[in-house]
């Protein structure tokens, strides 16, 4: 079992930075569309109202994505964790976790991980556990095989 926390963090940073870039590009595109005046006045008002709401929603998502990027940037790869907390890499027989942000499933060195936030319900049942401990979530029981 390779202890590649820096590679795991790097992959999460790449994924999160890509998400931020997608939100920024989409926002720019919507704003440009709102600014264009190639529709009749009644169409423009209806479209503009919908687009303004869409812009507002994308801006909120962008702020959240940037906050999660900040969380990732705060994780220290040289810290070895003896119990599950932010920055921990957790190996179990069924799933491997990186306690960071809600990044979902990703792979590093051919090993699948699930990036989860400290706000995730599963985190609440695994928080503070140590190597050899078990925890249960959604009718599944996990045994912690490795933790760092």
C-alpha atoms as a PDB file:
ATOM      1  CA  UNK A   1       0.000   0.000   0.000  1.00  0.00           C
ATOM      2  CA  UNK A   2       1.729   3.133  -1.249  1.00  0.00           C
ATOM      3  CA  UNK A   3       1.536   6.167   1.051  1.00  0.00           C
ATOM      4  CA  UNK A   4       1.255   8.848  -1.612  1.00  0.00           C
ATOM      5  CA  UNK A   5      -0.604  11.619   0.199  1.00  0.00           C
ATOM      6  CA  UNK A   6       1.071  14.313  -1.908  1.00  0.00           C
ATOM      7  CA  UNK A   7      -0.129  12.610  -5.117  1.00  0.00           C
ATOM      8  CA  UNK A   8      -3.630  12.245  -3.681  1.00  0.00           C
ATOM      9  CA  UNK A   9      -3.734  15.903  -2.677  1.00  0.00           C
ATOM     10  CA  UNK A  10      -2.318  16.989  -6.030  1.00  0.00           C
ATOM     11  CA  UNK A  11      -5.068  15.107  -7.893  1.00  0.00           C
ATOM     12  CA  UNK A  12      -7.750  16.701  -5.699  1.00  0.00           C
ATOM     13  CA  UNK A  13      -6.236  20.151  -6.259  1.00  0.00           C
ATOM     14  CA  UNK A  14      -6.243  19.563 -10.027  1.00  0.00           C
ATOM     15  CA  UNK A  15      -9.880  18.437  -9.962  1.00  0.00           C
ATOM     16  CA  UNK A  16     -10.967  21.365  -7.795  1.00  0.00           C
ATOM     17  CA  UNK A  17      -9.018  23.923  -9.838  1.00  0.00           C
ATOM     18  CA  UNK A  18     -10.684  22.553 -12.985  1.00  0.00           C
ATOM     19  CA  UNK A  19     -14.076  22.934 -11.354  1.00  0.00           C
ATOM     20  CA  UNK A  20     -13.308  26.563 -10.440  1.00  0.00           C
ATOM     21  CA  UNK A  21     -12.184  27.244 -14.009  1.00  0.00           C
ATOM     22  CA  UNK A  22     -15.388  25.707 -15.429  1.00  0.00           C
ATOM     23  CA  UNK A  23     -17.539  27.894 -13.184  1.00  0.00           C
ATOM     24  CA  UNK A  24     -15.555  30.997 -14.168  1.00  0.00           C
ATOM     25  CA  UNK A  25     -15.814  30.195 -17.885  1.00  0.00           C
ATOM     26  CA  UNK A  26     -19.536  29.498 -17.632  1.00  0.00           C
ATOM     27  CA  UNK A  27     -20.104  32.744 -15.713  1.00  0.00           C
ATOM     28  CA  UNK A  28     -18.191  34.727 -18.323  1.00  0.00           C
ATOM     29  CA  UNK A  29     -20.255  33.109 -21.078  1.00  0.00           C
ATOM     30  CA  UNK A  30     -23.588  33.862 -19.394  1.00  0.00           C
ATOM     31  CA  UNK A  31     -22.569  37.444 -18.606  1.00  0.00           C
ATOM     32  CA  UNK A  32     -21.539  37.962 -22.233  1.00  0.00           C
ATOM     33  CA  UNK A  33     -24.888  36.586 -23.380  1.00  0.00           C
ATOM     34  CA  UNK A  34     -26.758  38.980 -21.073  1.00  0.00           C
ATOM     35  CA  UNK A  35     -24.750  41.894 -22.436  1.00  0.00           C
ATOM     36  CA  UNK A  36     -25.533  41.096 -26.071  1.00  0.00           C
ATOM     37  CA  UNK A  37     -28.506  43.000 -27.516  1.00  0.00           C
ATOM     38  CA  UNK A  38     -29.585  40.880 -30.463  1.00  0.00           C
ATOM     39  CA  UNK A  39     -33.103  40.033 -29.191  1.00  0.00           C
ATOM     40  CA  UNK A  40     -36.408  41.901 -29.192  1.00  0.00           C
ATOM     41  CA  UNK A  41     -37.092  43.970 -26.020  1.00  0.00           C
ATOM     42  CA  UNK A  42     -39.630  41.514 -24.531  1.00  0.00           C
ATOM     43  CA  UNK A  43     -37.357  38.531 -25.151  1.00  0.00           C
ATOM     44  CA  UNK A  44     -34.426  40.401 -23.652  1.00  0.00           C
ATOM     45  CA  UNK A  45     -36.265  41.181 -20.401  1.00  0.00           C
ATOM     46  CA  UNK A  46     -37.392  37.572 -19.895  1.00  0.00           C
ATOM     47  CA  UNK A  47     -33.993  36.152 -20.808  1.00  0.00           C
ATOM     48  CA  UNK A  48     -32.151  38.709 -18.714  1.00  0.00           C
ATOM     49  CA  UNK A  49     -34.188  37.920 -15.580  1.00  0.00           C
ATOM     50  CA  UNK A  50     -33.485  34.204 -15.972  1.00  0.00           C
ATOM     51  CA  UNK A  51     -29.832  34.793 -16.740  1.00  0.00           C
ATOM     52  CA  UNK A  52     -29.393  37.101 -13.731  1.00  0.00           C
ATOM     53  CA  UNK A  53     -30.712  34.340 -11.474  1.00  0.00           C
ATOM     54  CA  UNK A  54     -28.430  31.839 -13.200  1.00  0.00           C
ATOM     55  CA  UNK A  55     -25.458  34.169 -12.734  1.00  0.00           C
ATOM     56  CA  UNK A  56     -26.287  34.511  -9.041  1.00  0.00           C
ATOM     57  CA  UNK A  57     -26.434  30.714  -8.634  1.00  0.00           C
ATOM     58  CA  UNK A  58     -23.147  30.184 -10.488  1.00  0.00           C
ATOM     59  CA  UNK A  59     -21.481  32.890  -8.384  1.00  0.00           C
ATOM     60  CA  UNK A  60     -22.555  31.076  -5.198  1.00  0.00           C
ATOM     61  CA  UNK A  61     -21.212  27.790  -6.564  1.00  0.00           C
ATOM     62  CA  UNK A  62     -17.955  29.495  -7.549  1.00  0.00           C
ATOM     63  CA  UNK A  63     -17.513  30.920  -4.042  1.00  0.00           C
ATOM     64  CA  UNK A  64     -18.097  27.447  -2.582  1.00  0.00           C
ATOM     65  CA  UNK A  65     -15.644  25.835  -5.032  1.00  0.00           C
ATOM     66  CA  UNK A  66     -12.996  28.415  -4.098  1.00  0.00           C
ATOM     67  CA  UNK A  67     -13.587  27.797  -0.380  1.00  0.00           C
ATOM     68  CA  UNK A  68     -13.079  24.081  -0.944  1.00  0.00           C
ATOM     69  CA  UNK A  69      -9.892  24.862  -2.882  1.00  0.00           C
ATOM     70  CA  UNK A  70      -8.700  26.803   0.176  1.00  0.00           C
ATOM     71  CA  UNK A  71      -9.410  23.771   2.366  1.00  0.00           C
ATOM     72  CA  UNK A  72      -7.318  21.593   0.059  1.00  0.00           C
ATOM     73  CA  UNK A  73      -4.494  24.126   0.099  1.00  0.00           C
ATOM     74  CA  UNK A  74      -4.487  24.027   3.912  1.00  0.00           C
ATOM     75  CA  UNK A  75      -3.794  20.274   4.048  1.00  0.00           C
ATOM     76  CA  UNK A  76      -0.220  19.355   4.944  1.00  0.00           C
ATOM     77  CA  UNK A  77       1.053  16.222   3.216  1.00  0.00           C
ATOM     78  CA  UNK A  78       3.876  15.671   5.689  1.00  0.00           C
ATOM     79  CA  UNK A  79       1.506  15.180   8.640  1.00  0.00           C
ATOM     80  CA  UNK A  80       0.899  11.537   9.546  1.00  0.00           C
ATOM     81  CA  UNK A  81      -2.492  11.085  11.202  1.00  0.00           C
ATOM     82  CA  UNK A  82      -3.036   8.546  13.970  1.00  0.00           C
ATOM     83  CA  UNK A  83      -6.781   9.188  13.993  1.00  0.00           C
ATOM     84  CA  UNK A  84      -9.201  10.256  11.277  1.00  0.00           C
ATOM     85  CA  UNK A  85      -9.366  14.012  10.757  1.00  0.00           C
ATOM     86  CA  UNK A  86      -8.996  16.573   7.959  1.00  0.00           C
ATOM     87  CA  UNK A  87      -6.119  15.488   5.715  1.00  0.00           C
ATOM     88  CA  UNK A  88      -6.274  11.797   6.621  1.00  0.00           C
ATOM     89  CA  UNK A  89      -5.973   9.064   4.012  1.00  0.00           C
ATOM     90  CA  UNK A  90      -8.038   6.070   5.102  1.00  0.00           C
ATOM     91  CA  UNK A  91      -7.773   2.617   3.520  1.00  0.00           C
ATOM     92  CA  UNK A  92     -10.500   0.025   4.059  1.00  0.00           C
ATOM     93  CA  UNK A  93     -11.175  -3.240   2.255  1.00  0.00           C
ATOM     94  CA  UNK A  94     -14.115  -1.758   0.348  1.00  0.00           C
ATOM     95  CA  UNK A  95     -13.429   1.984  -0.020  1.00  0.00           C
ATOM     96  CA  UNK A  96     -10.515   4.329   0.440  1.00  0.00           C
ATOM     97  CA  UNK A  97     -11.131   7.866   1.654  1.00  0.00           C
ATOM     98  CA  UNK A  98      -9.326  11.174   1.563  1.00  0.00           C
ATOM     99  CA  UNK A  99     -10.742  13.457   4.236  1.00  0.00           C
ATOM    100  CA  UNK A 100     -10.687  16.786   2.478  1.00  0.00           C
ATOM    101  CA  UNK A 101     -13.590  18.146   0.419  1.00  0.00           C
ATOM    102  CA  UNK A 102     -16.568  16.614  -1.384  1.00  0.00           C
ATOM    103  CA  UNK A 103     -14.623  15.824  -4.527  1.00  0.00           C
ATOM    104  CA  UNK A 104     -16.208  12.428  -5.121  1.00  0.00           C
ATOM    105  CA  UNK A 105     -14.420   9.442  -6.620  1.00  0.00           C
ATOM    106  CA  UNK A 106     -10.951   9.774  -8.157  1.00  0.00           C
ATOM    107  CA  UNK A 107      -7.898   7.568  -8.764  1.00  0.00           C
ATOM    108  CA  UNK A 108      -4.212   7.927  -7.974  1.00  0.00           C
ATOM    109  CA  UNK A 109      -1.621   5.297  -8.908  1.00  0.00           C
ATOM    110  CA  UNK A 110      -4.446   2.953  -9.936  1.00  0.00           C
ATOM    111  CA  UNK A 111      -6.110   3.160  -6.514  1.00  0.00           C
ATOM    112  CA  UNK A 112      -9.617   4.575  -6.157  1.00  0.00           C
ATOM    113  CA  UNK A 113     -10.419   7.114  -3.453  1.00  0.00           C
ATOM    114  CA  UNK A 114     -13.493   8.970  -2.326  1.00  0.00           C
ATOM    115  CA  UNK A 115     -12.868  12.579  -1.344  1.00  0.00           C
ATOM    116  CA  UNK A 116     -15.191  13.476   1.510  1.00  0.00           C
ATOM    117  CA  UNK A 117     -15.745  16.629   3.492  1.00  0.00           C
ATOM    118  CA  UNK A 118     -15.672  16.864   7.276  1.00  0.00           C
ATOM    119  CA  UNK A 119     -19.334  17.892   6.902  1.00  0.00           C
ATOM    120  CA  UNK A 120     -20.306  14.592   5.244  1.00  0.00           C
ATOM    121  CA  UNK A 121     -22.495  12.241   7.294  1.00  0.00           C
ATOM    122  CA  UNK A 122     -20.034   9.356   6.803  1.00  0.00           C
ATOM    123  CA  UNK A 123     -17.244  11.513   8.222  1.00  0.00           C
ATOM    124  CA  UNK A 124     -19.218  12.021  11.428  1.00  0.00           C
ATOM    125  CA  UNK A 125     -19.190   8.252  12.116  1.00  0.00           C
ATOM    126  CA  UNK A 126     -15.517   7.773  11.232  1.00  0.00           C
ATOM    127  CA  UNK A 127     -14.094  10.920  12.859  1.00  0.00           C
ATOM    128  CA  UNK A 128     -11.442  10.149  15.470  1.00  0.00           C
ATOM    129  CA  UNK A 129     -11.197   6.432  14.615  1.00  0.00           C
ATOM    130  CA  UNK A 130      -7.781   4.741  14.472  1.00  0.00           C
ATOM    131  CA  UNK A 131      -6.155   1.984  12.444  1.00  0.00           C
ATOM    132  CA  UNK A 132      -7.859  -1.309  13.332  1.00  0.00           C
ATOM    133  CA  UNK A 133     -11.120   0.409  14.371  1.00  0.00           C
ATOM    134  CA  UNK A 134     -14.387  -0.171  12.557  1.00  0.00           C
ATOM    135  CA  UNK A 135     -17.274   2.112  11.697  1.00  0.00           C
ATOM    136  CA  UNK A 136     -20.674   1.579  10.118  1.00  0.00           C
ATOM    137  CA  UNK A 137     -22.531   3.698   7.611  1.00  0.00           C
ATOM    138  CA  UNK A 138     -25.586   2.914   5.441  1.00  0.00           C
ATOM    139  CA  UNK A 139     -25.691  -0.739   6.517  1.00  0.00           C
ATOM    140  CA  UNK A 140     -22.012  -1.257   5.644  1.00  0.00           C
ATOM    141  CA  UNK A 141     -19.221  -1.838   8.122  1.00  0.00           C
ATOM    142  CA  UNK A 142     -15.703  -0.675   7.353  1.00  0.00           C
ATOM    143  CA  UNK A 143     -12.493  -1.763   9.031  1.00  0.00           C
ATOM    144  CA  UNK A 144      -9.645   0.731   8.917  1.00  0.00           C
ATOM    145  CA  UNK A 145      -6.689  -1.136   7.407  1.00  0.00           C
ATOM    146  CA  UNK A 146      -4.349   1.832   7.041  1.00  0.00           C
ATOM    147  CA  UNK A 147      -4.422   5.455   8.085  1.00  0.00           C
ATOM    148  CA  UNK A 148      -1.947   8.250   7.474  1.00  0.00           C
END
